Amino acid sequence: MKNQPTSISFPEQYRHLQDLTVSQVCQVLQISQPTVWRLVKQGMLQKYSIGRSARIRIESVTKLRGDSDA
């Protein structure tokens, strides 16, 4: 899947975080929420839950984008 942008660096406001919400992942990867959930289902993004809230591991987002500056 080649939907990840390559010209946009990882947003500064998220660099200090260890985990991202689904909405934050949508902003970073510039994809829709259904696409985020599809990537989670395919195992390309690592998710865990806190109650009813989902968090995505920032390492899996940077790995998917091919970044090394997070």
N, C-alpha and C. Protein backbone atom coordinates (compact mmCIF):
# COMPACT_ATOMS: atom_id res chain seq x y z
N MET A 1 0.85 -1.18 0.00
CA MET A 1 0.00 0.00 0.00
C MET A 1 0.89 1.23 0.00
N LYS A 2 0.71 2.09 -0.96
CA LYS A 2 1.59 3.25 -1.13
C LYS A 2 0.86 4.57 -0.91
N ASN A 3 0.00 4.65 0.11
CA ASN A 3 -0.78 5.86 0.37
C ASN A 3 -0.07 6.87 1.24
N GLN A 4 1.06 6.52 1.83
CA GLN A 4 1.71 7.43 2.76
C GLN A 4 2.43 8.56 2.02
N PRO A 5 2.24 9.80 2.49
CA PRO A 5 2.93 10.93 1.87
C PRO A 5 4.42 10.88 2.18
N THR A 6 5.23 11.32 1.25
CA THR A 6 6.67 11.29 1.47
C THR A 6 7.24 12.69 1.65
N SER A 7 6.52 13.72 1.22
CA SER A 7 7.07 15.07 1.26
C SER A 7 6.76 15.80 2.56
N ILE A 8 5.90 15.24 3.41
CA ILE A 8 5.51 15.91 4.65
C ILE A 8 6.20 15.22 5.81
N SER A 9 6.95 15.98 6.61
CA SER A 9 7.65 15.39 7.75
C SER A 9 6.66 15.13 8.88
N PHE A 10 7.09 14.34 9.86
CA PHE A 10 6.24 14.00 10.99
C PHE A 10 5.93 15.27 11.77
N PRO A 11 4.65 15.57 12.04
CA PRO A 11 4.28 16.82 12.72
C PRO A 11 4.97 16.98 14.07
N GLU A 12 5.49 18.15 14.30
CA GLU A 12 6.22 18.46 15.52
C GLU A 12 5.38 18.23 16.77
N GLN A 13 4.07 18.52 16.72
CA GLN A 13 3.23 18.39 17.90
C GLN A 13 3.05 16.94 18.35
N TYR A 14 3.39 15.97 17.50
CA TYR A 14 3.23 14.56 17.86
C TYR A 14 4.55 13.87 18.17
N ARG A 15 5.68 14.55 17.98
CA ARG A 15 6.98 13.90 18.15
C ARG A 15 7.24 13.43 19.57
N HIS A 16 6.67 14.09 20.57
CA HIS A 16 6.92 13.72 21.96
C HIS A 16 6.00 12.58 22.43
N LEU A 17 4.99 12.25 21.67
CA LEU A 17 4.04 11.23 22.06
C LEU A 17 4.56 9.82 21.76
N GLN A 18 4.14 8.87 22.57
CA GLN A 18 4.47 7.46 22.31
C GLN A 18 3.37 6.80 21.50
N ASP A 19 2.16 7.30 21.64
CA ASP A 19 1.01 6.71 20.99
C ASP A 19 0.11 7.80 20.42
N LEU A 20 -0.65 7.47 19.39
CA LEU A 20 -1.53 8.44 18.74
C LEU A 20 -2.96 7.92 18.74
N THR A 21 -3.90 8.86 18.74
CA THR A 21 -5.30 8.48 18.55
C THR A 21 -5.51 8.18 17.07
N VAL A 22 -6.64 7.58 16.76
CA VAL A 22 -6.96 7.29 15.36
C VAL A 22 -7.04 8.59 14.56
N SER A 23 -7.62 9.63 15.13
CA SER A 23 -7.71 10.92 14.45
C SER A 23 -6.33 11.51 14.15
N GLN A 24 -5.42 11.38 15.10
CA GLN A 24 -4.07 11.88 14.89
C GLN A 24 -3.36 11.10 13.78
N VAL A 25 -3.57 9.79 13.75
CA VAL A 25 -2.98 8.97 12.69
C VAL A 25 -3.54 9.40 11.34
N CYS A 26 -4.82 9.70 11.28
CA CYS A 26 -5.44 10.18 10.04
C CYS A 26 -4.75 11.46 9.56
N GLN A 27 -4.47 12.37 10.47
CA GLN A 27 -3.81 13.62 10.12
C GLN A 27 -2.38 13.38 9.65
N VAL A 28 -1.66 12.54 10.36
CA VAL A 28 -0.25 12.30 10.04
C VAL A 28 -0.11 11.60 8.69
N LEU A 29 -0.91 10.57 8.48
CA LEU A 29 -0.80 9.79 7.24
C LEU A 29 -1.66 10.33 6.11
N GLN A 30 -2.51 11.29 6.44
CA GLN A 30 -3.44 11.88 5.47
C GLN A 30 -4.31 10.81 4.81
N ILE A 31 -4.93 10.01 5.67
CA ILE A 31 -5.83 8.95 5.23
C ILE A 31 -7.10 9.03 6.06
N SER A 32 -8.12 8.29 5.67
CA SER A 32 -9.39 8.30 6.38
C SER A 32 -9.38 7.31 7.54
N GLN A 33 -10.37 7.44 8.43
CA GLN A 33 -10.47 6.52 9.57
C GLN A 33 -10.69 5.08 9.11
N PRO A 34 -11.54 4.84 8.12
CA PRO A 34 -11.67 3.44 7.67
C PRO A 34 -10.36 2.85 7.16
N THR A 35 -9.52 3.66 6.56
CA THR A 35 -8.23 3.18 6.09
C THR A 35 -7.32 2.84 7.27
N VAL A 36 -7.37 3.66 8.33
CA VAL A 36 -6.59 3.37 9.54
C VAL A 36 -7.03 2.02 10.10
N TRP A 37 -8.33 1.80 10.21
CA TRP A 37 -8.83 0.54 10.76
C TRP A 37 -8.46 -0.63 9.87
N ARG A 38 -8.45 -0.43 8.56
CA ARG A 38 -8.04 -1.48 7.63
C ARG A 38 -6.57 -1.83 7.84
N LEU A 39 -5.72 -0.81 8.03
CA LEU A 39 -4.30 -1.05 8.28
C LEU A 39 -4.08 -1.77 9.61
N VAL A 40 -4.90 -1.46 10.62
CA VAL A 40 -4.84 -2.15 11.90
C VAL A 40 -5.21 -3.62 11.70
N LYS A 41 -6.29 -3.86 10.97
CA LYS A 41 -6.76 -5.22 10.72
C LYS A 41 -5.71 -6.03 9.95
N GLN A 42 -5.01 -5.38 9.02
CA GLN A 42 -3.98 -6.04 8.23
C GLN A 42 -2.67 -6.23 9.01
N GLY A 43 -2.60 -5.63 10.20
CA GLY A 43 -1.40 -5.77 11.03
C GLY A 43 -0.30 -4.77 10.70
N MET A 44 -0.60 -3.79 9.87
CA MET A 44 0.40 -2.79 9.50
C MET A 44 0.53 -1.69 10.54
N LEU A 45 -0.50 -1.50 11.36
CA LEU A 45 -0.47 -0.56 12.48
C LEU A 45 -0.79 -1.34 13.74
N GLN A 46 -0.06 -1.05 14.83
CA GLN A 46 -0.29 -1.73 16.10
C GLN A 46 -1.24 -0.90 16.95
N LYS A 47 -2.33 -1.52 17.40
CA LYS A 47 -3.34 -0.84 18.19
C LYS A 47 -3.49 -1.50 19.54
N TYR A 48 -3.80 -0.68 20.54
CA TYR A 48 -4.25 -1.21 21.81
C TYR A 48 -5.37 -0.31 22.30
N SER A 49 -6.13 -0.80 23.26
CA SER A 49 -7.29 -0.06 23.75
C SER A 49 -7.10 0.38 25.19
N ILE A 50 -7.65 1.56 25.46
CA ILE A 50 -7.77 2.07 26.83
C ILE A 50 -9.26 2.32 27.00
N GLY A 51 -9.92 1.40 27.68
CA GLY A 51 -11.37 1.47 27.76
C GLY A 51 -11.95 1.30 26.37
N ARG A 52 -12.71 2.30 25.93
CA ARG A 52 -13.28 2.26 24.58
C ARG A 52 -12.45 3.06 23.58
N SER A 53 -11.37 3.64 24.02
CA SER A 53 -10.51 4.44 23.15
C SER A 53 -9.39 3.59 22.58
N ALA A 54 -9.07 3.83 21.33
CA ALA A 54 -7.98 3.10 20.68
C ALA A 54 -6.76 4.00 20.57
N ARG A 55 -5.59 3.42 20.73
CA ARG A 55 -4.33 4.13 20.54
C ARG A 55 -3.49 3.32 19.56
N ILE A 56 -2.78 4.04 18.71
CA ILE A 56 -1.91 3.42 17.72
C ILE A 56 -0.47 3.71 18.13
N ARG A 57 0.36 2.69 18.14
CA ARG A 57 1.77 2.86 18.49
C ARG A 57 2.46 3.73 17.45
N ILE A 58 3.14 4.77 17.92
CA ILE A 58 3.79 5.71 17.02
C ILE A 58 4.89 5.03 16.21
N GLU A 59 5.50 3.99 16.77
CA GLU A 59 6.53 3.26 16.04
C GLU A 59 5.97 2.63 14.77
N SER A 60 4.74 2.12 14.85
CA SER A 60 4.15 1.49 13.67
C SER A 60 3.78 2.53 12.62
N VAL A 61 3.44 3.74 13.06
CA VAL A 61 3.12 4.82 12.11
C VAL A 61 4.40 5.26 11.39
N THR A 62 5.48 5.45 12.14
CA THR A 62 6.72 5.87 11.51
C THR A 62 7.28 4.78 10.60
N LYS A 63 7.11 3.53 10.99
CA LYS A 63 7.56 2.42 10.15
C LYS A 63 6.77 2.39 8.84
N LEU A 64 5.48 2.60 8.93
CA LEU A 64 4.63 2.61 7.73
C LEU A 64 5.01 3.75 6.79
N ARG A 65 5.31 4.91 7.37
CA ARG A 65 5.69 6.06 6.54
C ARG A 65 7.12 5.97 6.03
N GLY A 66 7.93 5.18 6.69
CA GLY A 66 9.32 5.07 6.29
C GLY A 66 10.18 6.18 6.88
N ASP A 67 9.66 6.86 7.90
CA ASP A 67 10.40 7.94 8.57
C ASP A 67 11.34 7.36 9.60
N SER A 68 12.37 8.13 9.91
CA SER A 68 13.26 7.76 11.02
C SER A 68 13.46 8.93 11.97
N ASP A 69 12.65 9.99 11.83
CA ASP A 69 12.85 11.20 12.64
C ASP A 69 11.82 11.37 13.73
N ALA A 70 11.10 10.33 14.13
CA ALA A 70 10.12 10.45 15.20
C ALA A 70 10.80 10.16 16.47
